[in-house]
Amino acid sequence: MHPLFCFERLFSMDKADILMPKYRFRAVIDITPEDLTKMGAKAVGLDIDNVVAPDGTFRYASGVKEWVRKIKSAGFPVMLISNGTLMRVLPVSKYLDNTPFLHLSKKPSPRALIKAAKKTGVDITELAMLGDQLFSDIKAANRCGAIAVRIDPLPAKSLYPHYYKWKAKREKPYLEKFESLHGYGVYDD
């Protein structure tokens, strides 16, 4: 996808739309290859903090390693897309069988998502970005036309508890609106 499309898309969306996920799941391991196919995805961008492991920790969510293997074996390339540093992202990549990654992604900038789509050989509209934050992961996906999938954050947030409380308060109206329209999982338009 041409980068100009991203800017045209950005300016054509209102604030509520740019923060609205397309789909929502309670946990990343709840997403099946069939769900990804129904979404129109051919590759997966995967956030780390509070999706794969609690923020800043290496205590991985139960079943996440097996889930990544299942998604990859179903033919979906997976790429970690994180705002974290190399010291944060590299051990996670190794734990997940050397899953390719982009670190210091600067989400909500869509650049890393565009790069991930190119590296995985798919159009940006075929990249499902799975992340927990509306103001970074979902906004980045919507800015460039990727499939925005909100994953409810892992319950254990050992770092920055005040930030997460503030973030949850800001996200609440958007998530309430989403839930009134769709709920969890993949739905028909």
Protein backbone atom coordinates (compact mmCIF):
# COMPACT_ATOMS: atom_id res chain seq x y z
CA MET A 1 0.00 0.00 0.00
CA HIS A 2 1.28 3.42 -0.87
CA PRO A 3 2.13 5.62 2.17
CA LEU A 4 -0.01 8.42 0.71
CA PHE A 5 -3.05 6.20 1.22
CA CYS A 6 -2.28 6.17 4.94
CA PHE A 7 -2.38 9.96 5.13
CA GLU A 8 -5.60 10.13 3.10
CA ARG A 9 -7.15 7.51 5.38
CA LEU A 10 -5.97 9.33 8.50
CA PHE A 11 -7.53 12.61 7.48
CA SER A 12 -10.80 10.98 6.42
CA MET A 13 -11.41 9.32 9.82
CA ASP A 14 -12.85 11.03 12.85
CA LYS A 15 -11.32 10.61 16.31
CA ALA A 16 -13.79 7.94 17.42
CA ASP A 17 -13.27 5.84 14.28
CA ILE A 18 -9.49 5.91 14.48
CA LEU A 19 -9.61 4.47 18.00
CA MET A 20 -12.28 1.85 17.28
CA PRO A 21 -11.11 -1.75 16.83
CA LYS A 22 -12.61 -3.90 14.10
CA TYR A 23 -12.68 -6.97 16.38
CA ARG A 24 -12.16 -7.69 20.07
CA PHE A 25 -11.00 -10.80 21.93
CA ARG A 26 -10.48 -11.53 25.62
CA ALA A 27 -7.07 -13.15 25.01
CA VAL A 28 -4.80 -13.63 22.04
CA ILE A 29 -5.06 -17.41 22.41
CA ASP A 30 -8.81 -17.14 21.74
CA ILE A 31 -8.13 -16.25 18.10
CA THR A 32 -8.19 -19.20 15.72
CA PRO A 33 -6.79 -19.50 12.20
CA GLU A 34 -10.43 -19.59 11.05
CA ASP A 35 -11.06 -16.27 12.80
CA LEU A 36 -8.09 -14.73 11.01
CA THR A 37 -9.38 -16.00 7.69
CA LYS A 38 -12.85 -14.55 8.37
CA MET A 39 -11.20 -11.20 9.17
CA GLY A 40 -9.44 -11.23 5.80
CA ALA A 41 -6.01 -11.52 7.44
CA LYS A 42 -3.06 -13.24 5.82
CA ALA A 43 -0.44 -12.19 8.42
CA VAL A 44 -0.39 -11.23 12.09
CA GLY A 45 1.26 -8.29 13.84
CA LEU A 46 1.50 -9.07 17.53
CA ASP A 47 2.05 -6.59 20.35
CA ILE A 48 3.95 -7.88 23.39
CA ASP A 49 3.17 -5.96 26.58
CA ASN A 50 -0.07 -7.08 28.23
CA VAL A 51 -0.86 -9.33 25.25
CA VAL A 52 1.95 -11.91 25.30
CA ALA A 53 3.36 -11.08 28.76
CA PRO A 54 2.51 -8.57 31.49
CA ASP A 55 4.21 -5.24 30.87
CA GLY A 56 7.96 -5.41 31.37
CA THR A 57 7.98 -9.05 32.50
CA PHE A 58 8.94 -12.37 31.01
CA ARG A 59 6.02 -14.22 32.62
CA TYR A 60 4.27 -15.31 29.47
CA ALA A 61 0.53 -15.79 29.12
CA SER A 62 -0.49 -19.41 29.39
CA GLY A 63 -0.60 -21.09 26.00
CA VAL A 64 0.86 -18.19 24.01
CA LYS A 65 3.86 -20.12 22.68
CA GLU A 66 1.62 -22.94 21.45
CA TRP A 67 -0.80 -20.38 19.97
CA VAL A 68 1.97 -18.73 17.93
CA ARG A 69 3.07 -22.15 16.66
CA LYS A 70 -0.52 -23.00 15.68
CA ILE A 71 -1.01 -19.70 13.82
CA LYS A 72 2.32 -20.08 11.99
CA SER A 73 1.60 -23.71 11.07
CA ALA A 74 -1.75 -22.61 9.63
CA GLY A 75 0.20 -20.44 7.17
CA PHE A 76 -0.03 -17.03 8.82
CA PRO A 77 3.31 -15.25 9.19
CA VAL A 78 3.59 -13.67 12.66
CA MET A 79 5.68 -10.60 13.43
CA LEU A 80 6.12 -8.99 16.84
CA ILE A 81 5.51 -5.24 16.62
CA SER A 82 6.48 -3.53 19.84
CA ASN A 83 7.33 -0.08 21.10
CA GLY A 84 9.76 -1.85 23.43
CA THR A 85 13.54 -1.84 23.22
CA LEU A 86 15.68 -4.59 21.77
CA MET A 87 16.40 -5.80 25.33
CA ARG A 88 12.66 -6.28 25.83
CA VAL A 89 11.71 -7.70 22.44
CA LEU A 90 14.61 -10.05 21.64
CA PRO A 91 14.00 -12.46 24.57
CA VAL A 92 10.30 -12.60 23.70
CA SER A 93 11.17 -13.36 20.08
CA LYS A 94 13.47 -16.16 21.19
CA TYR A 95 10.82 -17.59 23.53
CA LEU A 96 8.35 -17.61 20.63
CA ASP A 97 10.64 -19.73 18.43
CA ASN A 98 12.55 -16.76 16.99
CA THR A 99 9.48 -14.96 15.74
CA PRO A 100 10.59 -11.99 13.61
CA PHE A 101 10.13 -8.61 15.24
CA LEU A 102 10.16 -4.86 14.90
CA HIS A 103 11.13 -2.97 18.05
CA LEU A 104 10.96 0.74 18.94
CA SER A 105 7.96 0.84 16.60
CA LYS A 106 6.67 4.23 17.77
CA LYS A 107 3.02 3.20 17.56
CA PRO A 108 0.62 4.92 16.92
CA SER A 109 2.78 5.71 13.92
CA PRO A 110 1.77 3.18 11.25
CA ARG A 111 5.29 2.85 9.79
CA ALA A 112 6.15 -0.39 11.61
CA LEU A 113 2.88 -1.98 10.51
CA ILE A 114 3.55 -1.03 6.89
CA LYS A 115 7.06 -2.48 7.23
CA ALA A 116 5.66 -5.68 8.79
CA ALA A 117 3.20 -6.09 5.92
CA LYS A 118 6.04 -5.76 3.40
CA LYS A 119 8.25 -8.20 5.31
CA THR A 120 5.47 -10.77 5.53
CA GLY A 121 4.53 -10.30 1.87
CA VAL A 122 0.96 -9.11 2.38
CA ASP A 123 -0.98 -5.97 1.62
CA ILE A 124 -1.44 -3.76 4.69
CA THR A 125 -5.19 -4.48 4.56
CA GLU A 126 -4.35 -8.17 5.14
CA LEU A 127 -2.31 -7.59 8.32
CA ALA A 128 -4.21 -8.22 11.57
CA MET A 129 -2.65 -6.04 14.29
CA LEU A 130 -3.34 -7.65 17.67
CA GLY A 131 -2.80 -5.27 20.56
CA ASP A 132 -4.22 -4.08 23.85
CA GLN A 133 -4.03 -0.30 23.51
CA LEU A 134 -6.52 1.79 21.59
CA PHE A 135 -4.23 4.83 21.56
CA SER A 136 -1.25 2.98 20.08
CA ASP A 137 -1.96 -0.45 18.52
CA ILE A 138 -5.50 0.18 17.29
CA LYS A 139 -4.80 3.74 16.22
CA ALA A 140 -1.73 2.63 14.25
CA ALA A 141 -3.72 -0.12 12.52
CA ASN A 142 -6.56 2.20 11.61
CA ARG A 143 -4.20 4.88 10.34
CA CYS A 144 -2.95 2.60 7.57
CA GLY A 145 -5.85 0.25 6.89
CA ALA A 146 -4.61 -2.82 8.79
CA ILE A 147 -7.15 -4.98 10.62
CA ALA A 148 -7.40 -3.53 14.14
CA VAL A 149 -7.92 -6.29 16.73
CA ARG A 150 -8.15 -5.31 20.38
CA ILE A 151 -7.00 -7.88 22.91
CA ASP A 152 -8.11 -7.31 26.49
CA PRO A 153 -4.94 -6.63 28.51
CA LEU A 154 -3.57 -9.37 30.72
CA PRO A 155 -4.75 -8.83 34.28
CA ALA A 156 -1.28 -8.69 35.86
CA LYS A 157 0.16 -5.23 35.24
CA SER A 158 3.19 -5.11 37.49
CA LEU A 159 4.62 -1.88 36.12
CA TYR A 160 3.03 1.58 35.89
CA PRO A 161 -0.30 0.87 37.68
CA HIS A 162 -1.30 4.56 37.62
CA TYR A 163 -0.78 4.72 33.87
CA TYR A 164 -3.01 1.70 33.27
CA LYS A 165 -5.76 3.09 35.46
CA TRP A 166 -5.63 6.39 33.55
CA LYS A 167 -5.53 4.54 30.20
CA ALA A 168 -8.51 2.33 31.08
CA LYS A 169 -10.53 5.43 31.97
CA ARG A 170 -9.72 7.06 28.60
CA GLU A 171 -10.51 3.88 26.65
CA LYS A 172 -13.76 3.07 28.45
CA PRO A 173 -16.18 5.12 26.27
CA TYR A 174 -14.75 3.67 23.06
CA LEU A 175 -14.91 0.10 24.35
CA GLU A 176 -18.46 0.59 25.63
CA LYS A 177 -19.51 1.85 22.20
CA PHE A 178 -17.76 -1.08 20.51
CA GLU A 179 -19.43 -3.57 22.83
CA SER A 180 -22.86 -2.09 22.20
CA LEU A 181 -22.30 -2.66 18.48
CA HIS A 182 -20.41 -5.95 18.32
CA GLY A 183 -19.16 -7.75 21.43
CA TYR A 184 -16.33 -10.26 21.29
CA GLY A 185 -15.05 -12.41 18.43
CA VAL A 186 -15.48 -12.20 14.69
CA TYR A 187 -18.86 -10.98 13.56
CA ASP A 188 -20.52 -10.48 10.20
CA ASP A 189 -20.66 -6.89 8.96
